[in-house]
C-alpha atoms as a PDB file:
ATOM      1  CA  MET A   1      -1.877 -19.648  10.678  1.00  0.00           C
ATOM      2  CA  ASP A   2       1.034 -17.057   9.555  1.00  0.00           C
ATOM      3  CA  LYS A   3       3.839 -17.952   8.096  1.00  0.00           C
ATOM      4  CA  LEU A   4       6.917 -16.637   9.831  1.00  0.00           C
ATOM      5  CA  LEU A   5      10.631 -16.785   8.594  1.00  0.00           C
ATOM      6  CA  ILE A   6      12.557 -17.583  10.943  1.00  0.00           C
ATOM      7  CA  ASN A   7      16.083 -17.201   9.889  1.00  0.00           C
ATOM      8  CA  PRO A   8      18.972 -17.951  12.712  1.00  0.00           C
ATOM      9  CA  ARG A   9      22.327 -16.680  12.217  1.00  0.00           C
ATOM     10  CA  ALA A  10      25.609 -17.629  14.704  1.00  0.00           C
ATOM     11  CA  LEU A  11      27.234 -14.633  15.705  1.00  0.00           C
ATOM     12  CA  ARG A  12      30.533 -14.317  17.539  1.00  0.00           C
ATOM     13  CA  THR A  13      31.485 -11.412  19.955  1.00  0.00           C
ATOM     14  CA  ARG A  14      34.857 -10.286  20.555  1.00  0.00           C
ATOM     15  CA  ARG A  15      35.278 -12.295  23.641  1.00  0.00           C
ATOM     16  CA  GLY A  16      34.381 -15.305  21.397  1.00  0.00           C
ATOM     17  CA  ALA A  17      30.845 -16.260  22.971  1.00  0.00           C
ATOM     18  CA  GLU A  18      28.224 -17.471  20.196  1.00  0.00           C
ATOM     19  CA  ILE A  19      24.789 -15.229  19.902  1.00  0.00           C
ATOM     20  CA  LYS A  20      21.724 -16.146  17.534  1.00  0.00           C
ATOM     21  CA  VAL A  21      20.212 -13.661  15.962  1.00  0.00           C
ATOM     22  CA  TRP A  22      16.326 -14.677  14.764  1.00  0.00           C
ATOM     23  CA  LEU A  23      15.385 -12.464  11.710  1.00  0.00           C
ATOM     24  CA  LEU A  24      11.224 -12.693  11.968  1.00  0.00           C
ATOM     25  CA  CYS A  25       8.911 -11.198   9.318  1.00  0.00           C
ATOM     26  CA  GLU A  26       5.045 -11.528   9.798  1.00  0.00           C
ATOM     27  CA  ASP A  27       4.921 -12.976   6.142  1.00  0.00           C
ATOM     28  CA  PRO A  28       8.007 -13.110   3.693  1.00  0.00           C
ATOM     29  CA  VAL A  29       7.311 -12.556  -0.035  1.00  0.00           C
ATOM     30  CA  GLU A  30       8.845 -14.922  -2.232  1.00  0.00           C
ATOM     31  CA  PRO A  31      10.503 -12.774  -5.121  1.00  0.00           C
ATOM     32  CA  SER A  32       8.418 -12.576  -8.301  1.00  0.00           C
ATOM     33  CA  ASP A  33       9.441 -10.451 -11.764  1.00  0.00           C
ATOM     34  CA  ASP A  34       5.680  -9.561 -12.362  1.00  0.00           C
ATOM     35  CA  GLN A  35       5.391  -8.399  -8.993  1.00  0.00           C
ATOM     36  CA  ASP A  36       4.934  -4.362  -9.738  1.00  0.00           C
ATOM     37  CA  PHE A  37       4.550  -2.481  -6.752  1.00  0.00           C
ATOM     38  CA  SER A  38       5.341   0.977  -8.174  1.00  0.00           C
ATOM     39  CA  LYS A  39       1.667   2.276  -7.597  1.00  0.00           C
ATOM     40  CA  ALA A  40      -0.497   2.333  -4.134  1.00  0.00           C
ATOM     41  CA  VAL A  41      -3.209   0.177  -5.661  1.00  0.00           C
ATOM     42  CA  ALA A  42      -0.703  -2.603  -5.866  1.00  0.00           C
ATOM     43  CA  PHE A  43      -0.353  -2.445  -2.003  1.00  0.00           C
ATOM     44  CA  VAL A  44      -4.117  -1.879  -1.209  1.00  0.00           C
ATOM     45  CA  ASP A  45      -4.538  -5.105  -3.211  1.00  0.00           C
ATOM     46  CA  PHE A  46      -1.821  -7.064  -1.407  1.00  0.00           C
ATOM     47  CA  PHE A  47      -3.459  -5.829   2.179  1.00  0.00           C
ATOM     48  CA  LYS A  48      -6.606  -7.018   1.109  1.00  0.00           C
ATOM     49  CA  ARG A  49      -5.369 -10.467  -0.345  1.00  0.00           C
ATOM     50  CA  HIS A  50      -3.070 -11.003   2.354  1.00  0.00           C
ATOM     51  CA  VAL A  51      -3.379  -8.880   5.416  1.00  0.00           C
ATOM     52  CA  THR A  52      -6.979  -9.245   6.115  1.00  0.00           C
ATOM     53  CA  LYS A  53      -6.317 -12.811   5.901  1.00  0.00           C
ATOM     54  CA  ALA A  54      -4.052 -12.648   9.057  1.00  0.00           C
ATOM     55  CA  ALA A  55      -4.978 -14.330  12.588  1.00  0.00           C
ATOM     56  CA  TRP A  56      -5.064 -11.165  14.414  1.00  0.00           C
ATOM     57  CA  TRP A  57      -7.080  -9.180  11.497  1.00  0.00           C
ATOM     58  CA  ASP A  58      -9.841  -7.221  13.178  1.00  0.00           C
ATOM     59  CA  PRO A  59     -12.084  -5.163  10.765  1.00  0.00           C
ATOM     60  CA  GLU A  60     -12.961  -3.248  13.462  1.00  0.00           C
ATOM     61  CA  LYS A  61      -9.495  -1.827  14.883  1.00  0.00           C
ATOM     62  CA  GLU A  62      -7.093   0.242  13.035  1.00  0.00           C
ATOM     63  CA  CYS A  63      -3.583  -2.004  12.052  1.00  0.00           C
ATOM     64  CA  MET A  64      -0.284  -0.475  10.842  1.00  0.00           C
ATOM     65  CA  ILE A  65       1.426  -2.445   8.358  1.00  0.00           C
ATOM     66  CA  VAL A  66       4.898  -1.951   7.278  1.00  0.00           C
ATOM     67  CA  PHE A  67       6.242  -3.129   3.648  1.00  0.00           C
ATOM     68  CA  CYS A  68       9.889  -3.533   3.309  1.00  0.00           C
ATOM     69  CA  LEU A  69      11.141  -3.415  -0.236  1.00  0.00           C
ATOM     70  CA  GLY A  70      14.591  -4.326  -1.290  1.00  0.00           C
ATOM     71  CA  ARG A  71      16.498  -3.469  -4.619  1.00  0.00           C
ATOM     72  CA  LYS A  72      14.087  -2.742  -7.711  1.00  0.00           C
ATOM     73  CA  ASN A  73      11.611  -2.252  -5.246  1.00  0.00           C
ATOM     74  CA  ARG A  74      10.718  -6.106  -4.751  1.00  0.00           C
ATOM     75  CA  LEU A  75       8.493  -6.407  -1.697  1.00  0.00           C
ATOM     76  CA  LYS A  76      10.659  -8.435   0.684  1.00  0.00           C
ATOM     77  CA  CYS A  77       8.138  -8.785   3.264  1.00  0.00           C
ATOM     78  CA  TRP A  78       5.391  -7.244   5.391  1.00  0.00           C
ATOM     79  CA  ASN A  79       5.192  -6.959   9.335  1.00  0.00           C
ATOM     80  CA  LEU A  80       2.265  -5.448  11.673  1.00  0.00           C
ATOM     81  CA  VAL A  81       3.593  -2.598  13.506  1.00  0.00           C
ATOM     82  CA  GLY A  82       0.425  -2.390  15.530  1.00  0.00           C
ATOM     83  CA  LEU A  83      -2.603  -3.225  16.438  1.00  0.00           C
ATOM     84  CA  GLY A  84      -4.766  -0.667  17.820  1.00  0.00           C
ATOM     85  CA  THR A  85      -8.707   0.653  18.520  1.00  0.00           C
ATOM     86  CA  ALA A  86     -11.379   1.761  16.545  1.00  0.00           C
ATOM     87  CA  THR A  87     -10.019   5.455  15.763  1.00  0.00           C
ATOM     88  CA  ASN A  88      -6.339   5.027  16.217  1.00  0.00           C
ATOM     89  CA  VAL A  89      -2.706   3.006  15.981  1.00  0.00           C
ATOM     90  CA  LEU A  90      -0.057   3.989  17.753  1.00  0.00           C
ATOM     91  CA  SER A  91       3.110   3.957  15.488  1.00  0.00           C
ATOM     92  CA  ALA A  92       6.594   4.824  16.397  1.00  0.00           C
ATOM     93  CA  PRO A  93       9.294   5.032  14.379  1.00  0.00           C
ATOM     94  CA  ARG A  94      11.537   2.734  16.022  1.00  0.00           C
ATOM     95  CA  GLU A  95       8.350  -0.051  15.671  1.00  0.00           C
ATOM     96  CA  VAL A  96       8.499   0.974  11.946  1.00  0.00           C
ATOM     97  CA  PHE A  97      11.914   0.452  11.181  1.00  0.00           C
ATOM     98  CA  ARG A  98      12.853  -2.349  13.146  1.00  0.00           C
ATOM     99  CA  PRO A  99      11.290  -4.719  10.325  1.00  0.00           C
ATOM    100  CA  ALA A 100      12.904  -2.721   7.403  1.00  0.00           C
ATOM    101  CA  ILE A 101      16.429  -2.923   9.232  1.00  0.00           C
ATOM    102  CA  VAL A 102      16.175  -6.641  10.029  1.00  0.00           C
ATOM    103  CA  ALA A 103      15.086  -7.140   6.384  1.00  0.00           C
ATOM    104  CA  SER A 104      17.755  -5.220   4.957  1.00  0.00           C
ATOM    105  CA  ALA A 105      15.355  -3.064   2.895  1.00  0.00           C
ATOM    106  CA  THR A 106      16.139  -0.197   1.190  1.00  0.00           C
ATOM    107  CA  ALA A 107      12.429   1.203   1.490  1.00  0.00           C
ATOM    108  CA  ILE A 108       9.246   1.091   2.990  1.00  0.00           C
ATOM    109  CA  VAL A 109       5.654   1.506   2.557  1.00  0.00           C
ATOM    110  CA  LEU A 110       3.483   2.211   5.477  1.00  0.00           C
ATOM    111  CA  MET A 111      -0.167   1.223   5.529  1.00  0.00           C
ATOM    112  CA  HIS A 112      -3.110   1.773   7.817  1.00  0.00           C
ATOM    113  CA  ASN A 113      -6.670   0.933   7.890  1.00  0.00           C
ATOM    114  CA  HIS A 114      -9.492   3.322   8.849  1.00  0.00           C
ATOM    115  CA  PRO A 115     -12.536   0.949  10.217  1.00  0.00           C
ATOM    116  CA  SER A 116     -14.969   3.910   9.606  1.00  0.00           C
ATOM    117  CA  GLY A 117     -14.605   3.377   5.836  1.00  0.00           C
ATOM    118  CA  ASP A 118     -13.263   6.896   5.233  1.00  0.00           C
ATOM    119  CA  PRO A 119      -9.708   6.761   3.551  1.00  0.00           C
ATOM    120  CA  ALA A 120      -8.985  10.636   4.360  1.00  0.00           C
ATOM    121  CA  PRO A 121      -6.354  11.514   6.245  1.00  0.00           C
ATOM    122  CA  SER A 122      -6.732  12.739  10.094  1.00  0.00           C
ATOM    123  CA  GLY A 123      -3.947  15.212  11.746  1.00  0.00           C
ATOM    124  CA  ALA A 124      -2.704  12.414  13.694  1.00  0.00           C
ATOM    125  CA  ASP A 125      -1.803  10.514  10.133  1.00  0.00           C
ATOM    126  CA  ILE A 126      -0.069  13.772   8.387  1.00  0.00           C
ATOM    127  CA  SER A 127       1.982  13.981  12.162  1.00  0.00           C
ATOM    128  CA  VAL A 128       3.048  10.394  11.863  1.00  0.00           C
ATOM    129  CA  THR A 129       3.662  10.983   8.211  1.00  0.00           C
ATOM    130  CA  ARG A 130       6.135  13.496   8.894  1.00  0.00           C
ATOM    131  CA  GLU A 131       7.924  11.538  11.877  1.00  0.00           C
ATOM    132  CA  ILE A 132       8.486   8.560   9.819  1.00  0.00           C
ATOM    133  CA  ARG A 133       9.393  10.555   6.900  1.00  0.00           C
ATOM    134  CA  LYS A 134      12.223  12.218   8.929  1.00  0.00           C
ATOM    135  CA  ALA A 135      13.499   9.130  10.807  1.00  0.00           C
ATOM    136  CA  ALA A 136      13.750   7.497   7.329  1.00  0.00           C
ATOM    137  CA  GLN A 137      16.136  10.556   5.732  1.00  0.00           C
ATOM    138  CA  ILE A 138      18.415   9.600   9.124  1.00  0.00           C
ATOM    139  CA  LEU A 139      18.383   5.946   8.649  1.00  0.00           C
ATOM    140  CA  GLY A 140      19.097   6.298   5.015  1.00  0.00           C
ATOM    141  CA  ILE A 141      15.778   3.848   4.003  1.00  0.00           C
ATOM    142  CA  SER A 142      13.783   5.460   1.199  1.00  0.00           C
ATOM    143  CA  PHE A 143       9.965   5.734   2.609  1.00  0.00           C
ATOM    144  CA  PHE A 144       7.380   6.008  -0.717  1.00  0.00           C
ATOM    145  CA  ASP A 145       4.303   6.544   0.704  1.00  0.00           C
ATOM    146  CA  HIS A 146       1.760   6.232   3.326  1.00  0.00           C
ATOM    147  CA  ILE A 147      -1.462   4.538   2.322  1.00  0.00           C
ATOM    148  CA  ILE A 148      -4.823   4.963   4.466  1.00  0.00           C
ATOM    149  CA  VAL A 149      -7.037   2.140   3.701  1.00  0.00           C
ATOM    150  CA  GLY A 150     -10.945   2.554   4.031  1.00  0.00           C
ATOM    151  CA  ASN A 151     -13.773   1.575   1.170  1.00  0.00           C
ATOM    152  CA  LYS A 152     -15.084   3.017  -1.923  1.00  0.00           C
ATOM    153  CA  LEU A 153     -18.293   3.857  -0.557  1.00  0.00           C
ATOM    154  CA  ASN A 154     -17.269   5.947   2.080  1.00  0.00           C
ATOM    155  CA  ASP A 155     -14.529   7.440   0.011  1.00  0.00           C
ATOM    156  CA  PRO A 156     -15.364  10.978  -1.604  1.00  0.00           C
ATOM    157  CA  LYS A 157     -13.154  10.154  -4.484  1.00  0.00           C
ATOM    158  CA  GLY A 158     -14.336   6.643  -4.654  1.00  0.00           C
ATOM    159  CA  LEU A 159     -11.125   4.988  -5.049  1.00  0.00           C
ATOM    160  CA  GLY A 160     -11.059   3.176  -1.416  1.00  0.00           C
ATOM    161  CA  TYR A 161      -7.767   4.320   0.035  1.00  0.00           C
ATOM    162  CA  TYR A 162      -5.587   7.337   0.173  1.00  0.00           C
ATOM    163  CA  SER A 163      -1.867   7.944  -0.634  1.00  0.00           C
ATOM    164  CA  PHE A 164      -0.089  10.693   0.506  1.00  0.00           C
ATOM    165  CA  HIS A 165       2.442  10.253  -2.293  1.00  0.00           C
ATOM    166  CA  ALA A 166      -0.425  10.485  -5.008  1.00  0.00           C
ATOM    167  CA  ALA A 167      -1.513  13.456  -3.057  1.00  0.00           C
ATOM    168  CA  GLY A 168       1.673  15.066  -3.558  1.00  0.00           C
ATOM    169  CA  PHE A 169       2.726  14.718   0.038  1.00  0.00           C
END
């Protein structure tokens, strides 16, 4: 079973009532000085080592993940944003940024898989990336990249992934 970070915090309202806020992350990540998440390939490696091991993972469905980064681009946590079908996954900005706001992230990286194996972005992928970029600007959270994971055999470039950032988007 996946780890869940559950961190209760008590807050008092103006009327003195106490409420509890629960912070949830799919998988909290222990900070490490040797983590280098400056390149897309590091996120792809993390995706393959951790995300594909989750109980809900289905290689026949698209899944959207958000990686929440803190200062110095240290990975704080990652969260499942949406689990879709063989051809698409819904990813509204509120679902993408909710874990980032809860985790006090300063930046995010969005990632999803293509079950077909071809990591080339679709028109919908480009549209979602533009929408997330606009929302990130409004919220003041850096949007570093949107990465699509496929496999090397189906990728004309032989990388097995597509990085919007590396492509100059």
